[in-house]
Amino acid sequence: MLEPVHAGKAAGAAGSTGSWAEYLILFLRIMAAASLVKGLYHWAAVCGIGAGAAGGFEAHTVAWQTATVFFAVIDLVAAVGLWLAAAWGAVVWLTAVVSMAVVEVFFPQIYGGSLFVVLVETTLLCVYLWLAIFAAREKPA
């Protein structure tokens, strides 16, 4: 017979630390929130929210418009997948992270080529890989 699913920890495990899988899920949820904010930021740029009279979406280059629409869509899709901890969510998020780093490094004319953004994206990618490897090494209970 199947045991019921419990949202919290058992009473005997109150003082124990979390498993790597739990840390990975927490990281994915945090990245889901960050991806949601990034996606909404890009959609605000598409809709012209916060832009001046002459600084709307149409005033930018086609490359900027294309990249902004791409990240507006992919960040929100990644946010949903990450929040659900679905396998495709991490794949879409990794695609968005690598794409942003590539755009910043190889196409600096689009968003300005910020090395800080590349450093942050690379750090998040490394943290994800580290957590995923340690979570995969755990033995099932």
Protein backbone atom coordinates (compact mmCIF):
# COMPACT_ATOMS: atom_id res chain seq x y z
CA MET A 1 0.00 0.00 0.00
CA LEU A 2 1.24 3.50 -0.79
CA GLU A 3 2.13 5.86 2.02
CA PRO A 4 0.48 9.30 2.00
CA VAL A 5 2.48 12.29 0.85
CA HIS A 6 3.49 14.63 3.67
CA ALA A 7 4.25 18.29 3.06
CA GLY A 8 6.39 18.72 6.18
CA LYS A 9 9.11 16.65 7.76
CA ALA A 10 8.41 13.84 10.16
CA ALA A 11 8.44 14.63 13.88
CA GLY A 12 11.67 12.67 14.41
CA ALA A 13 13.50 14.62 11.71
CA ALA A 14 12.81 18.09 13.13
CA GLY A 15 16.48 18.84 13.84
CA SER A 16 17.94 17.32 10.68
CA THR A 17 19.15 19.33 7.74
CA GLY A 18 17.49 19.17 4.35
CA SER A 19 18.53 16.87 1.55
CA TRP A 20 20.28 18.07 -1.57
CA ALA A 21 17.10 17.47 -3.54
CA GLU A 22 15.25 19.84 -1.21
CA TYR A 23 17.95 22.46 -1.67
CA LEU A 24 17.70 22.00 -5.43
CA ILE A 25 13.92 22.48 -5.34
CA LEU A 26 14.36 25.62 -3.21
CA PHE A 27 16.91 26.96 -5.69
CA LEU A 28 14.55 26.20 -8.59
CA ARG A 29 11.72 28.06 -6.87
CA ILE A 30 13.96 31.09 -6.25
CA MET A 31 15.05 31.03 -9.89
CA ALA A 32 11.39 30.74 -10.90
CA ALA A 33 10.63 33.97 -9.06
CA ALA A 34 13.65 35.67 -10.62
CA SER A 35 12.65 34.44 -14.10
CA LEU A 36 9.13 35.72 -13.54
CA VAL A 37 10.47 39.17 -12.66
CA LYS A 38 12.82 39.13 -15.67
CA GLY A 39 10.01 38.07 -18.00
CA LEU A 40 7.68 40.77 -16.72
CA TYR A 41 10.50 43.32 -17.06
CA HIS A 42 10.94 42.38 -20.72
CA TRP A 43 7.18 42.46 -21.31
CA ALA A 44 7.09 45.94 -19.76
CA ALA A 45 9.70 46.99 -22.32
CA VAL A 46 7.63 45.45 -25.14
CA CYS A 47 4.49 47.25 -23.94
CA GLY A 48 6.33 50.54 -23.47
CA ILE A 49 5.71 50.75 -19.72
CA GLY A 50 8.14 53.24 -18.22
CA ALA A 51 9.44 54.41 -21.60
CA GLY A 52 9.52 58.04 -22.53
CA ALA A 53 7.54 59.53 -25.40
CA ALA A 54 10.30 58.82 -27.93
CA GLY A 55 11.77 55.73 -26.25
CA GLY A 56 9.12 53.12 -26.95
CA PHE A 57 9.59 49.62 -28.30
CA GLU A 58 9.56 50.79 -31.92
CA ALA A 59 12.38 53.27 -31.29
CA HIS A 60 14.91 50.48 -30.66
CA THR A 61 16.81 48.41 -33.19
CA VAL A 62 15.37 45.22 -34.64
CA ALA A 63 18.05 43.21 -32.80
CA TRP A 64 16.99 44.72 -29.47
CA GLN A 65 13.32 44.12 -30.24
CA THR A 66 13.95 40.50 -31.19
CA ALA A 67 16.05 39.76 -28.09
CA THR A 68 13.54 41.48 -25.82
CA VAL A 69 10.59 39.50 -27.17
CA PHE A 70 12.61 36.27 -26.99
CA PHE A 71 13.49 36.82 -23.32
CA ALA A 72 9.97 38.04 -22.50
CA VAL A 73 8.60 34.68 -23.62
CA ILE A 74 11.34 32.28 -22.56
CA ASP A 75 11.75 33.72 -19.05
CA LEU A 76 8.05 33.31 -18.27
CA VAL A 77 7.98 29.77 -19.68
CA ALA A 78 11.07 28.93 -17.62
CA ALA A 79 9.44 30.41 -14.51
CA VAL A 80 6.46 28.08 -14.81
CA GLY A 81 8.62 25.04 -15.44
CA LEU A 82 10.98 25.85 -12.59
CA TRP A 83 8.16 26.44 -10.13
CA LEU A 84 6.64 23.09 -11.00
CA ALA A 85 10.12 21.48 -10.78
CA ALA A 86 9.44 19.92 -14.17
CA ALA A 87 12.38 18.52 -16.10
CA TRP A 88 11.66 20.83 -19.04
CA GLY A 89 11.68 23.88 -16.75
CA ALA A 90 15.37 23.55 -16.00
CA VAL A 91 16.13 23.01 -19.68
CA VAL A 92 14.25 26.15 -20.68
CA TRP A 93 15.89 28.10 -17.84
CA LEU A 94 19.35 26.89 -18.88
CA THR A 95 18.57 27.96 -22.43
CA ALA A 96 17.57 31.42 -21.20
CA VAL A 97 20.66 31.78 -18.99
CA VAL A 98 23.09 30.73 -21.70
CA SER A 99 21.28 32.87 -24.28
CA MET A 100 21.50 35.97 -22.09
CA ALA A 101 25.21 35.40 -21.48
CA VAL A 102 25.83 34.90 -25.21
CA VAL A 103 23.89 38.04 -26.10
CA GLU A 104 25.85 40.07 -23.54
CA VAL A 105 29.25 38.72 -24.65
CA PHE A 106 28.92 38.38 -28.41
CA PHE A 107 26.32 41.04 -29.19
CA PRO A 108 27.07 43.94 -26.82
CA GLN A 109 25.25 46.40 -29.08
CA ILE A 110 21.91 44.87 -28.03
CA TYR A 111 21.93 45.27 -24.22
CA GLY A 112 25.29 46.91 -23.59
CA GLY A 113 27.58 43.93 -22.96
CA SER A 114 27.46 43.93 -19.17
CA LEU A 115 30.07 41.57 -17.74
CA PHE A 116 28.22 41.73 -14.41
CA VAL A 117 25.21 40.05 -16.05
CA VAL A 118 27.48 37.37 -17.52
CA LEU A 119 29.09 36.78 -14.12
CA VAL A 120 25.71 36.47 -12.38
CA GLU A 121 24.30 34.14 -15.05
CA THR A 122 27.44 31.96 -14.96
CA THR A 123 27.34 31.80 -11.17
CA LEU A 124 23.68 30.76 -11.17
CA LEU A 125 24.42 28.11 -13.79
CA CYS A 126 27.28 26.71 -11.69
CA VAL A 127 25.15 26.67 -8.52
CA TYR A 128 22.42 24.79 -10.38
CA LEU A 129 24.86 22.22 -11.73
CA TRP A 130 26.45 21.77 -8.30
CA LEU A 131 23.08 21.23 -6.61
CA ALA A 132 21.87 18.91 -9.38
CA ILE A 133 24.99 16.74 -9.14
CA PHE A 134 24.78 16.45 -5.35
CA ALA A 135 21.03 15.77 -5.49
CA ALA A 136 21.61 13.02 -8.06
CA ARG A 137 24.27 11.41 -5.82
CA GLU A 138 21.86 11.07 -2.92
CA LYS A 139 20.58 7.63 -2.22
CA PRO A 140 16.80 7.31 -2.09
CA ALA A 141 15.45 6.82 1.43
